Amino acid sequence: MNSIVARIDELRVKSGLSKAALAEKIGVTPTTVGNWSKMDSMPSLAIIERVCEVTGITIQQFFCGMNGDSETTPEEKFLHEWRMLTETEKSAIEKVMDAYIELK
């Protein structure tokens, strides 16, 4: 599998999206997403940018993450992970943070 396609698939899974859901969010057909995996076609840069928007990362993070080499700050990493959470998960973390602040 091509590394760009593998990175898109990694981000899709981390975001909890099916291939069909990702396709809908980025404005392509599910067949198009499937064709990337089969190497019948490749996503354009515009599509990669939409994947980044949907998954809450920058284009730089997209390409840096392909090599396992990330030059992001801890804050950027936190925000990226935060964007991957569901609203329920975010709410639970906010409650823990509020309880921690009250203890101080």
PDB file of N, CA and C in Angstrom:
ATOM      1  N   MET A   1       0.853  -1.180   0.000  1.00  0.00           N
ATOM      2  CA  MET A   1       0.000   0.000   0.000  1.00  0.00           C
ATOM      3  C   MET A   1       0.894   1.237   0.000  1.00  0.00           C
ATOM      4  N   ASN A   2       0.528   2.209  -0.781  1.00  0.00           N
ATOM      5  CA  ASN A   2       1.242   3.476  -0.859  1.00  0.00           C
ATOM      6  C   ASN A   2       1.228   4.175   0.499  1.00  0.00           C
ATOM      7  N   SER A   3       2.313   4.887   0.836  1.00  0.00           N
ATOM      8  CA  SER A   3       2.397   5.519   2.153  1.00  0.00           C
ATOM      9  C   SER A   3       1.367   6.626   2.339  1.00  0.00           C
ATOM     10  N   ILE A   4       0.998   7.321   1.281  1.00  0.00           N
ATOM     11  CA  ILE A   4      -0.042   8.359   1.399  1.00  0.00           C
ATOM     12  C   ILE A   4      -1.377   7.704   1.716  1.00  0.00           C
ATOM     13  N   VAL A   5      -1.689   6.648   1.013  1.00  0.00           N
ATOM     14  CA  VAL A   5      -2.945   5.923   1.253  1.00  0.00           C
ATOM     15  C   VAL A   5      -2.937   5.317   2.650  1.00  0.00           C
ATOM     16  N   ALA A   6      -1.800   4.778   3.067  1.00  0.00           N
ATOM     17  CA  ALA A   6      -1.692   4.205   4.410  1.00  0.00           C
ATOM     18  C   ALA A   6      -1.919   5.288   5.465  1.00  0.00           C
ATOM     19  N   ARG A   7      -1.379   6.489   5.236  1.00  0.00           N
ATOM     20  CA  ARG A   7      -1.548   7.597   6.191  1.00  0.00           C
ATOM     21  C   ARG A   7      -3.015   8.018   6.257  1.00  0.00           C
ATOM     22  N   ILE A   8      -3.678   8.095   5.114  1.00  0.00           N
ATOM     23  CA  ILE A   8      -5.110   8.434   5.102  1.00  0.00           C
ATOM     24  C   ILE A   8      -5.895   7.377   5.866  1.00  0.00           C
ATOM     25  N   ASP A   9      -5.572   6.118   5.636  1.00  0.00           N
ATOM     26  CA  ASP A   9      -6.267   5.033   6.328  1.00  0.00           C
ATOM     27  C   ASP A   9      -6.023   5.099   7.830  1.00  0.00           C
ATOM     28  N   GLU A  10      -4.777   5.390   8.230  1.00  0.00           N
ATOM     29  CA  GLU A  10      -4.445   5.534   9.654  1.00  0.00           C
ATOM     30  C   GLU A  10      -5.281   6.645  10.297  1.00  0.00           C
ATOM     31  N   LEU A  11      -5.352   7.792   9.637  1.00  0.00           N
ATOM     32  CA  LEU A  11      -6.115   8.921  10.173  1.00  0.00           C
ATOM     33  C   LEU A  11      -7.607   8.614  10.200  1.00  0.00           C
ATOM     34  N   ARG A  12      -8.086   7.909   9.179  1.00  0.00           N
ATOM     35  CA  ARG A  12      -9.496   7.530   9.123  1.00  0.00           C
ATOM     36  C   ARG A  12      -9.861   6.652  10.312  1.00  0.00           C
ATOM     37  N   VAL A  13      -9.020   5.656  10.584  1.00  0.00           N
ATOM     38  CA  VAL A  13      -9.271   4.735  11.698  1.00  0.00           C
ATOM     39  C   VAL A  13      -9.210   5.485  13.026  1.00  0.00           C
ATOM     40  N   LYS A  14      -8.183   6.342  13.221  1.00  0.00           N
ATOM     41  CA  LYS A  14      -8.060   7.117  14.460  1.00  0.00           C
ATOM     42  C   LYS A  14      -9.257   8.031  14.677  1.00  0.00           C
ATOM     43  N   SER A  15      -9.847   8.482  13.572  1.00  0.00           N
ATOM     44  CA  SER A  15     -11.013   9.367  13.671  1.00  0.00           C
ATOM     45  C   SER A  15     -12.311   8.596  13.827  1.00  0.00           C
ATOM     46  N   GLY A  16     -12.236   7.266  13.784  1.00  0.00           N
ATOM     47  CA  GLY A  16     -13.431   6.443  13.948  1.00  0.00           C
ATOM     48  C   GLY A  16     -14.357   6.489  12.754  1.00  0.00           C
ATOM     49  N   LEU A  17     -13.802   6.692  11.565  1.00  0.00           N
ATOM     50  CA  LEU A  17     -14.617   6.807  10.365  1.00  0.00           C
ATOM     51  C   LEU A  17     -14.495   5.556   9.507  1.00  0.00           C
ATOM     52  N   SER A  18     -15.606   5.146   8.950  1.00  0.00           N
ATOM     53  CA  SER A  18     -15.566   4.082   7.949  1.00  0.00           C
ATOM     54  C   SER A  18     -15.062   4.703   6.645  1.00  0.00           C
ATOM     55  N   LYS A  19     -14.729   3.871   5.690  1.00  0.00           N
ATOM     56  CA  LYS A  19     -14.305   4.405   4.387  1.00  0.00           C
ATOM     57  C   LYS A  19     -15.430   5.215   3.750  1.00  0.00           C
ATOM     58  N   ALA A  20     -16.657   4.732   3.900  1.00  0.00           N
ATOM     59  CA  ALA A  20     -17.801   5.444   3.329  1.00  0.00           C
ATOM     60  C   ALA A  20     -18.008   6.798   4.012  1.00  0.00           C
ATOM     61  N   ALA A  21     -17.864   6.846   5.331  1.00  0.00           N
ATOM     62  CA  ALA A  21     -18.043   8.100   6.061  1.00  0.00           C
ATOM     63  C   ALA A  21     -16.957   9.106   5.686  1.00  0.00           C
ATOM     64  N   LEU A  22     -15.713   8.628   5.573  1.00  0.00           N
ATOM     65  CA  LEU A  22     -14.633   9.515   5.151  1.00  0.00           C
ATOM     66  C   LEU A  22     -14.914  10.057   3.755  1.00  0.00           C
ATOM     67  N   ALA A  23     -15.308   9.171   2.859  1.00  0.00           N
ATOM     68  CA  ALA A  23     -15.614   9.589   1.488  1.00  0.00           C
ATOM     69  C   ALA A  23     -16.653  10.699   1.471  1.00  0.00           C
ATOM     70  N   GLU A  24     -17.710  10.526   2.256  1.00  0.00           N
ATOM     71  CA  GLU A  24     -18.768  11.533   2.308  1.00  0.00           C
ATOM     72  C   GLU A  24     -18.238  12.868   2.828  1.00  0.00           C
ATOM     73  N   LYS A  25     -17.436  12.818   3.885  1.00  0.00           N
ATOM     74  CA  LYS A  25     -16.925  14.042   4.502  1.00  0.00           C
ATOM     75  C   LYS A  25     -15.944  14.797   3.601  1.00  0.00           C
ATOM     76  N   ILE A  26     -15.205  14.075   2.750  1.00  0.00           N
ATOM     77  CA  ILE A  26     -14.232  14.757   1.899  1.00  0.00           C
ATOM     78  C   ILE A  26     -14.743  14.984   0.478  1.00  0.00           C
ATOM     79  N   GLY A  27     -15.962  14.531   0.206  1.00  0.00           N
ATOM     80  CA  GLY A  27     -16.593  14.824  -1.076  1.00  0.00           C
ATOM     81  C   GLY A  27     -16.191  13.921  -2.235  1.00  0.00           C
ATOM     82  N   VAL A  28     -15.909  12.664  -1.923  1.00  0.00           N
ATOM     83  CA  VAL A  28     -15.633  11.683  -2.978  1.00  0.00           C
ATOM     84  C   VAL A  28     -16.542  10.482  -2.753  1.00  0.00           C
ATOM     85  N   THR A  29     -16.540   9.572  -3.694  1.00  0.00           N
ATOM     86  CA  THR A  29     -17.364   8.370  -3.541  1.00  0.00           C
ATOM     87  C   THR A  29     -16.596   7.309  -2.752  1.00  0.00           C
ATOM     88  N   PRO A  30     -17.319   6.406  -2.124  1.00  0.00           N
ATOM     89  CA  PRO A  30     -16.642   5.291  -1.448  1.00  0.00           C
ATOM     90  C   PRO A  30     -15.778   4.468  -2.415  1.00  0.00           C
ATOM     91  N   THR A  31     -16.203   4.371  -3.664  1.00  0.00           N
ATOM     92  CA  THR A  31     -15.420   3.656  -4.670  1.00  0.00           C
ATOM     93  C   THR A  31     -14.066   4.317  -4.874  1.00  0.00           C
ATOM     94  N   THR A  32     -14.048   5.643  -4.858  1.00  0.00           N
ATOM     95  CA  THR A  32     -12.791   6.375  -5.013  1.00  0.00           C
ATOM     96  C   THR A  32     -11.825   6.019  -3.894  1.00  0.00           C
ATOM     97  N   VAL A  33     -12.318   5.995  -2.662  1.00  0.00           N
ATOM     98  CA  VAL A  33     -11.473   5.641  -1.518  1.00  0.00           C
ATOM     99  C   VAL A  33     -10.965   4.206  -1.676  1.00  0.00           C
ATOM    100  N   GLY A  34     -11.820   3.311  -2.108  1.00  0.00           N
ATOM    101  CA  GLY A  34     -11.423   1.925  -2.331  1.00  0.00           C
ATOM    102  C   GLY A  34     -10.374   1.800  -3.431  1.00  0.00           C
ATOM    103  N   ASN A  35     -10.496   2.621  -4.463  1.00  0.00           N
ATOM    104  CA  ASN A  35      -9.528   2.583  -5.561  1.00  0.00           C
ATOM    105  C   ASN A  35      -8.132   3.005  -5.108  1.00  0.00           C
ATOM    106  N   TRP A  36      -8.051   3.878  -4.108  1.00  0.00           N
ATOM    107  CA  TRP A  36      -6.730   4.276  -3.590  1.00  0.00           C
ATOM    108  C   TRP A  36      -6.028   3.055  -3.006  1.00  0.00           C
ATOM    109  N   SER A  37      -6.769   2.259  -2.246  1.00  0.00           N
ATOM    110  CA  SER A  37      -6.177   1.075  -1.616  1.00  0.00           C
ATOM    111  C   SER A  37      -5.696   0.068  -2.653  1.00  0.00           C
ATOM    112  N   LYS A  38      -6.404  -0.011  -3.760  1.00  0.00           N
ATOM    113  CA  LYS A  38      -6.021  -0.942  -4.826  1.00  0.00           C
ATOM    114  C   LYS A  38      -4.991  -0.325  -5.768  1.00  0.00           C
ATOM    115  N   MET A  39      -4.598   0.915  -5.491  1.00  0.00           N
ATOM    116  CA  MET A  39      -3.629   1.648  -6.320  1.00  0.00           C
ATOM    117  C   MET A  39      -4.154   1.905  -7.731  1.00  0.00           C
ATOM    118  N   ASP A  40      -5.494   1.927  -7.888  1.00  0.00           N
ATOM    119  CA  ASP A  40      -6.083   2.255  -9.179  1.00  0.00           C
ATOM    120  C   ASP A  40      -6.036   3.755  -9.434  1.00  0.00           C
ATOM    121  N   SER A  41      -5.956   4.518  -8.352  1.00  0.00           N
ATOM    122  CA  SER A  41      -5.847   5.967  -8.449  1.00  0.00           C
ATOM    123  C   SER A  41      -5.224   6.475  -7.154  1.00  0.00           C
ATOM    124  N   MET A  42      -4.841   7.738  -7.167  1.00  0.00           N
ATOM    125  CA  MET A  42      -4.239   8.355  -5.981  1.00  0.00           C
ATOM    126  C   MET A  42      -4.997   9.637  -5.660  1.00  0.00           C
ATOM    127  N   PRO A  43      -5.084   9.991  -4.356  1.00  0.00           N
ATOM    128  CA  PRO A  43      -5.764  11.230  -3.991  1.00  0.00           C
ATOM    129  C   PRO A  43      -4.931  12.440  -4.411  1.00  0.00           C
ATOM    130  N   SER A  44      -5.622  13.495  -4.820  1.00  0.00           N
ATOM    131  CA  SER A  44      -4.950  14.750  -5.173  1.00  0.00           C
ATOM    132  C   SER A  44      -4.568  15.484  -3.892  1.00  0.00           C
ATOM    133  N   LEU A  45      -3.752  16.503  -4.035  1.00  0.00           N
ATOM    134  CA  LEU A  45      -3.373  17.311  -2.875  1.00  0.00           C
ATOM    135  C   LEU A  45      -4.608  17.976  -2.265  1.00  0.00           C
ATOM    136  N   ALA A  46      -5.543  18.388  -3.098  1.00  0.00           N
ATOM    137  CA  ALA A  46      -6.781  19.000  -2.584  1.00  0.00           C
ATOM    138  C   ALA A  46      -7.552  18.004  -1.708  1.00  0.00           C
ATOM    139  N   ILE A  47      -7.570  16.745  -2.110  1.00  0.00           N
ATOM    140  CA  ILE A  47      -8.251  15.714  -1.318  1.00  0.00           C
ATOM    141  C   ILE A  47      -7.498  15.476  -0.015  1.00  0.00           C
ATOM    142  N   ILE A  48      -6.167  15.427  -0.083  1.00  0.00           N
ATOM    143  CA  ILE A  48      -5.366  15.248   1.133  1.00  0.00           C
ATOM    144  C   ILE A  48      -5.625  16.403   2.096  1.00  0.00           C
ATOM    145  N   GLU A  49      -5.746  17.616   1.581  1.00  0.00           N
ATOM    146  CA  GLU A  49      -6.057  18.770   2.433  1.00  0.00           C
ATOM    147  C   GLU A  49      -7.416  18.600   3.105  1.00  0.00           C
ATOM    148  N   ARG A  50      -8.399  18.061   2.383  1.00  0.00           N
ATOM    149  CA  ARG A  50      -9.718  17.818   2.987  1.00  0.00           C
ATOM    150  C   ARG A  50      -9.649  16.731   4.047  1.00  0.00           C
ATOM    151  N   VAL A  51      -8.837  15.705   3.813  1.00  0.00           N
ATOM    152  CA  VAL A  51      -8.632  14.669   4.829  1.00  0.00           C
ATOM    153  C   VAL A  51      -8.057  15.309   6.093  1.00  0.00           C
ATOM    154  N   CYS A  52      -7.101  16.200   5.910  1.00  0.00           N
ATOM    155  CA  CYS A  52      -6.493  16.891   7.055  1.00  0.00           C
ATOM    156  C   CYS A  52      -7.540  17.696   7.819  1.00  0.00           C
ATOM    157  N   GLU A  53      -8.379  18.426   7.101  1.00  0.00           N
ATOM    158  CA  GLU A  53      -9.432  19.212   7.757  1.00  0.00           C
ATOM    159  C   GLU A  53     -10.362  18.312   8.562  1.00  0.00           C
ATOM    160  N   VAL A  54     -10.787  17.218   7.965  1.00  0.00           N
ATOM    161  CA  VAL A  54     -11.725  16.296   8.612  1.00  0.00           C
ATOM    162  C   VAL A  54     -11.114  15.647   9.847  1.00  0.00           C
ATOM    163  N   THR A  55      -9.824  15.332   9.778  1.00  0.00           N
ATOM    164  CA  THR A  55      -9.171  14.639  10.889  1.00  0.00           C
ATOM    165  C   THR A  55      -8.477  15.588  11.859  1.00  0.00           C
ATOM    166  N   GLY A  56      -8.542  16.885  11.583  1.00  0.00           N
ATOM    167  CA  GLY A  56      -8.035  17.873  12.528  1.00  0.00           C
ATOM    168  C   GLY A  56      -6.526  18.011  12.589  1.00  0.00           C
ATOM    169  N   ILE A  57      -5.865  17.806  11.461  1.00  0.00           N
ATOM    170  CA  ILE A  57      -4.415  17.981  11.439  1.00  0.00           C
ATOM    171  C   ILE A  57      -4.037  18.946  10.319  1.00  0.00           C
ATOM    172  N   THR A  58      -2.802  19.399  10.347  1.00  0.00           N
ATOM    173  CA  THR A  58      -2.294  20.244   9.274  1.00  0.00           C
ATOM    174  C   THR A  58      -1.688  19.378   8.184  1.00  0.00           C
ATOM    175  N   ILE A  59      -1.489  19.975   7.027  1.00  0.00           N
ATOM    176  CA  ILE A  59      -0.854  19.239   5.935  1.00  0.00           C
ATOM    177  C   ILE A  59       0.574  18.847   6.322  1.00  0.00           C
ATOM    178  N   GLN A  60       1.235  19.703   7.095  1.00  0.00           N
ATOM    179  CA  GLN A  60       2.583  19.389   7.573  1.00  0.00           C
ATOM    180  C   GLN A  60       2.551  18.156   8.471  1.00  0.00           C
ATOM    181  N   GLN A  61       1.582  18.109   9.377  1.00  0.00           N
ATOM    182  CA  GLN A  61       1.457  16.951  10.257  1.00  0.00           C
ATOM    183  C   GLN A  61       1.146  15.688   9.461  1.00  0.00           C
ATOM    184  N   PHE A  62       0.375  15.838   8.393  1.00  0.00           N
ATOM    185  CA  PHE A  62       0.060  14.683   7.550  1.00  0.00           C
ATOM    186  C   PHE A  62       1.345  14.067   7.014  1.00  0.00           C
ATOM    187  N   PHE A  63       2.179  14.897   6.400  1.00  0.00           N
ATOM    188  CA  PHE A  63       3.379  14.361   5.770  1.00  0.00           C
ATOM    189  C   PHE A  63       4.469  14.020   6.773  1.00  0.00           C
ATOM    190  N   CYS A  64       4.586  14.769   7.862  1.00  0.00           N
ATOM    191  CA  CYS A  64       5.576  14.419   8.889  1.00  0.00           C
ATOM    192  C   CYS A  64       5.211  13.097   9.544  1.00  0.00           C
ATOM    193  N   GLY A  65       3.945  12.866   9.758  1.00  0.00           N
ATOM    194  CA  GLY A  65       3.487  11.632  10.396  1.00  0.00           C
ATOM    195  C   GLY A  65       3.729  10.396   9.556  1.00  0.00           C
ATOM    196  N   MET A  66       3.900  10.569   8.250  1.00  0.00           N
ATOM    197  CA  MET A  66       4.159   9.417   7.377  1.00  0.00           C
ATOM    198  C   MET A  66       5.513   8.799   7.676  1.00  0.00           C
ATOM    199  N   ASN A  67       6.446   9.598   8.139  1.00  0.00           N
ATOM    200  CA  ASN A  67       7.787   9.097   8.425  1.00  0.00           C
ATOM    201  C   ASN A  67       7.975   8.780   9.899  1.00  0.00           C
ATOM    202  N   GLY A  68       6.947   8.973  10.691  1.00  0.00           N
ATOM    203  CA  GLY A  68       7.080   8.805  12.126  1.00  0.00           C
ATOM    204  C   GLY A  68       7.899   9.928  12.737  1.00  0.00           C
ATOM    205  N   ASP A  69       8.162  10.964  11.948  1.00  0.00           N
ATOM    206  CA  ASP A  69       8.986  12.091  12.377  1.00  0.00           C
ATOM    207  C   ASP A  69       8.073  13.285  12.559  1.00  0.00           C
ATOM    208  N   SER A  70       7.824  13.630  13.765  1.00  0.00           N
ATOM    209  CA  SER A  70       6.921  14.739  14.034  1.00  0.00           C
ATOM    210  C   SER A  70       7.659  15.863  14.741  1.00  0.00           C
ATOM    211  N   GLU A  71       7.582  17.026  14.144  1.00  0.00           N
ATOM    212  CA  GLU A  71       8.216  18.191  14.744  1.00  0.00           C
ATOM    213  C   GLU A  71       7.169  19.077  15.408  1.00  0.00           C
ATOM    214  N   THR A  72       6.117  18.464  15.902  1.00  0.00           N
ATOM    215  CA  THR A  72       5.068  19.235  16.536  1.00  0.00           C
ATOM    216  C   THR A  72       5.372  19.405  18.018  1.00  0.00           C
ATOM    217  N   THR A  73       4.818  20.463  18.561  1.00  0.00           N
ATOM    218  CA  THR A  73       4.988  20.726  19.982  1.00  0.00           C
ATOM    219  C   THR A  73       4.045  19.826  20.771  1.00  0.00           C
ATOM    220  N   PRO A  74       4.293  19.692  22.073  1.00  0.00           N
ATOM    221  CA  PRO A  74       3.358  18.906  22.893  1.00  0.00           C
ATOM    222  C   PRO A  74       1.929  19.459  22.835  1.00  0.00           C
ATOM    223  N   GLU A  75       1.816  20.784  22.753  1.00  0.00           N
ATOM    224  CA  GLU A  75       0.488  21.397  22.679  1.00  0.00           C
ATOM    225  C   GLU A  75      -0.222  21.002  21.386  1.00  0.00           C
ATOM    226  N   GLU A  76       0.526  20.988  20.264  1.00  0.00           N
ATOM    227  CA  GLU A  76      -0.072  20.593  18.995  1.00  0.00           C
ATOM    228  C   GLU A  76      -0.493  19.128  19.030  1.00  0.00           C
ATOM    229  N   LYS A  77       0.335  18.300  19.645  1.00  0.00           N
ATOM    230  CA  LYS A  77      -0.010  16.887  19.771  1.00  0.00           C
ATOM    231  C   LYS A  77      -1.273  16.713  20.610  1.00  0.00           C
ATOM    232  N   PHE A  78      -1.367  17.477  21.716  1.00  0.00           N
ATOM    233  CA  PHE A  78      -2.550  17.406  22.567  1.00  0.00           C
ATOM    234  C   PHE A  78      -3.797  17.818  21.785  1.00  0.00           C
ATOM    235  N   LEU A  79      -3.698  18.931  21.062  1.00  0.00           N
ATOM    236  CA  LEU A  79      -4.852  19.406  20.289  1.00  0.00           C
ATOM    237  C   LEU A  79      -5.251  18.402  19.210  1.00  0.00           C
ATOM    238  N   HIS A  80      -4.278  17.780  18.600  1.00  0.00           N
ATOM    239  CA  HIS A  80      -4.586  16.766  17.592  1.00  0.00           C
ATOM    240  C   HIS A  80      -5.356  15.608  18.229  1.00  0.00           C
ATOM    241  N   GLU A  81      -4.850  15.129  19.355  1.00  0.00           N
ATOM    242  CA  GLU A  81      -5.524  14.017  20.038  1.00  0.00           C
ATOM    243  C   GLU A  81      -6.911  14.440  20.517  1.00  0.00           C
ATOM    244  N   TRP A  82      -7.035  15.676  21.006  1.00  0.00           N
ATOM    245  CA  TRP A  82      -8.321  16.201  21.479  1.00  0.00           C
ATOM    246  C   TRP A  82      -9.348  16.167  20.346  1.00  0.00           C
ATOM    247  N   ARG A  83      -8.933  16.562  19.164  1.00  0.00           N
ATOM    248  CA  ARG A  83      -9.841  16.594  18.005  1.00  0.00           C
ATOM    249  C   ARG A  83     -10.314  15.198  17.615  1.00  0.00           C
ATOM    250  N   MET A  84      -9.561  14.184  17.970  1.00  0.00           N
ATOM    251  CA  MET A  84      -9.915  12.807  17.634  1.00  0.00           C
ATOM    252  C   MET A  84     -10.967  12.229  18.589  1.00  0.00           C
ATOM    253  N   LEU A  85     -11.187  12.881  19.733  1.00  0.00           N
ATOM    254  CA  LEU A  85     -12.115  12.371  20.735  1.00  0.00           C
ATOM    255  C   LEU A  85     -13.556  12.624  20.345  1.00  0.00           C
ATOM    256  N   THR A  86     -14.436  11.760  20.822  1.00  0.00           N
ATOM    257  CA  THR A  86     -15.869  11.996  20.663  1.00  0.00           C
ATOM    258  C   THR A  86     -16.300  13.050  21.677  1.00  0.00           C
ATOM    259  N   GLU A  87     -17.465  13.590  21.508  1.00  0.00           N
ATOM    260  CA  GLU A  87     -17.972  14.592  22.454  1.00  0.00           C
ATOM    261  C   GLU A  87     -18.111  13.995  23.856  1.00  0.00           C
ATOM    262  N   THR A  88     -18.495  12.732  23.947  1.00  0.00           N
ATOM    263  CA  THR A  88     -18.619  12.057  25.237  1.00  0.00           C
ATOM    264  C   THR A  88     -17.257  11.958  25.915  1.00  0.00           C
ATOM    265  N   GLU A  89     -16.228  11.585  25.147  1.00  0.00           N
ATOM    266  CA  GLU A  89     -14.878  11.478  25.698  1.00  0.00           C
ATOM    267  C   GLU A  89     -14.356  12.841  26.147  1.00  0.00           C
ATOM    268  N   LYS A  90     -14.636  13.864  25.355  1.00  0.00           N
ATOM    269  CA  LYS A  90     -14.215  15.223  25.732  1.00  0.00           C
ATOM    270  C   LYS A  90     -14.883  15.654  27.029  1.00  0.00           C
ATOM    271  N   SER A  91     -16.155  15.364  27.155  1.00  0.00           N
ATOM    272  CA  SER A  91     -16.898  15.718  28.363  1.00  0.00           C
ATOM    273  C   SER A  91     -16.311  15.023  29.587  1.00  0.00           C
ATOM    274  N   ALA A  92     -15.969  13.761  29.447  1.00  0.00           N
ATOM    275  CA  ALA A  92     -15.385  13.009  30.569  1.00  0.00           C
ATOM    276  C   ALA A  92     -14.046  13.614  30.982  1.00  0.00           C
ATOM    277  N   ILE A  93     -13.230  13.973  30.025  1.00  0.00           N
ATOM    278  CA  ILE A  93     -11.927  14.575  30.337  1.00  0.00           C
ATOM    279  C   ILE A  93     -12.104  15.937  30.986  1.00  0.00           C
ATOM    280  N   GLU A  94     -13.058  16.702  30.507  1.00  0.00           N
ATOM    281  CA  GLU A  94     -13.323  18.010  31.112  1.00  0.00           C
ATOM    282  C   GLU A  94     -13.733  17.858  32.575  1.00  0.00           C
ATOM    283  N   LYS A  95     -14.534  16.839  32.892  1.00  0.00           N
ATOM    284  CA  LYS A  95     -14.941  16.599  34.277  1.00  0.00           C
ATOM    285  C   LYS A  95     -13.742  16.244  35.150  1.00  0.00           C
ATOM    286  N   VAL A  96     -12.845  15.426  34.623  1.00  0.00           N
ATOM    287  CA  VAL A  96     -11.633  15.060  35.376  1.00  0.00           C
ATOM    288  C   VAL A  96     -10.789  16.312  35.603  1.00  0.00           C
ATOM    289  N   MET A  97     -10.645  17.128  34.586  1.00  0.00           N
ATOM    290  CA  MET A  97      -9.842  18.351  34.722  1.00  0.00           C
ATOM    291  C   MET A  97     -10.466  19.303  35.742  1.00  0.00           C
ATOM    292  N   ASP A  98     -11.783  19.444  35.700  1.00  0.00           N
ATOM    293  CA  ASP A  98     -12.474  20.304  36.668  1.00  0.00           C
ATOM    294  C   ASP A  98     -12.249  19.788  38.082  1.00  0.00           C
ATOM    295  N   ALA A  99     -12.348  18.478  38.283  1.00  0.00           N
ATOM    296  CA  ALA A  99     -12.127  17.891  39.617  1.00  0.00           C
ATOM    297  C   ALA A  99     -10.689  18.127  40.065  1.00  0.00           C
ATOM    298  N   TYR A 100      -9.743  17.999  39.163  1.00  0.00           N
ATOM    299  CA  TYR A 100      -8.337  18.242  39.496  1.00  0.00           C
ATOM    300  C   TYR A 100      -8.112  19.689  39.912  1.00  0.00           C
ATOM    301  N   ILE A 101      -8.699  20.603  39.185  1.00  0.00           N
ATOM    302  CA  ILE A 101      -8.550  22.039  39.499  1.00  0.00           C
ATOM    303  C   ILE A 101      -9.159  22.358  40.850  1.00  0.00           C
ATOM    304  N   GLU A 102     -10.298  21.745  41.178  1.00  0.00           N
ATOM    305  CA  GLU A 102     -10.936  21.979  42.474  1.00  0.00           C
ATOM    306  C   GLU A 102     -10.096  21.484  43.632  1.00  0.00           C
ATOM    307  N   LEU A 103      -9.299  20.440  43.417  1.00  0.00           N
ATOM    308  CA  LEU A 103      -8.434  19.896  44.478  1.00  0.00           C
ATOM    309  C   LEU A 103      -7.247  20.803  44.799  1.00  0.00           C
ATOM    310  N   LYS A 104      -6.862  21.617  43.868  1.00  0.00           N
ATOM    311  CA  LYS A 104      -5.680  22.463  44.058  1.00  0.00           C
ATOM    312  C   LYS A 104      -5.906  23.534  45.074  1.00  0.00           C
TER     313      LYS A 104
END
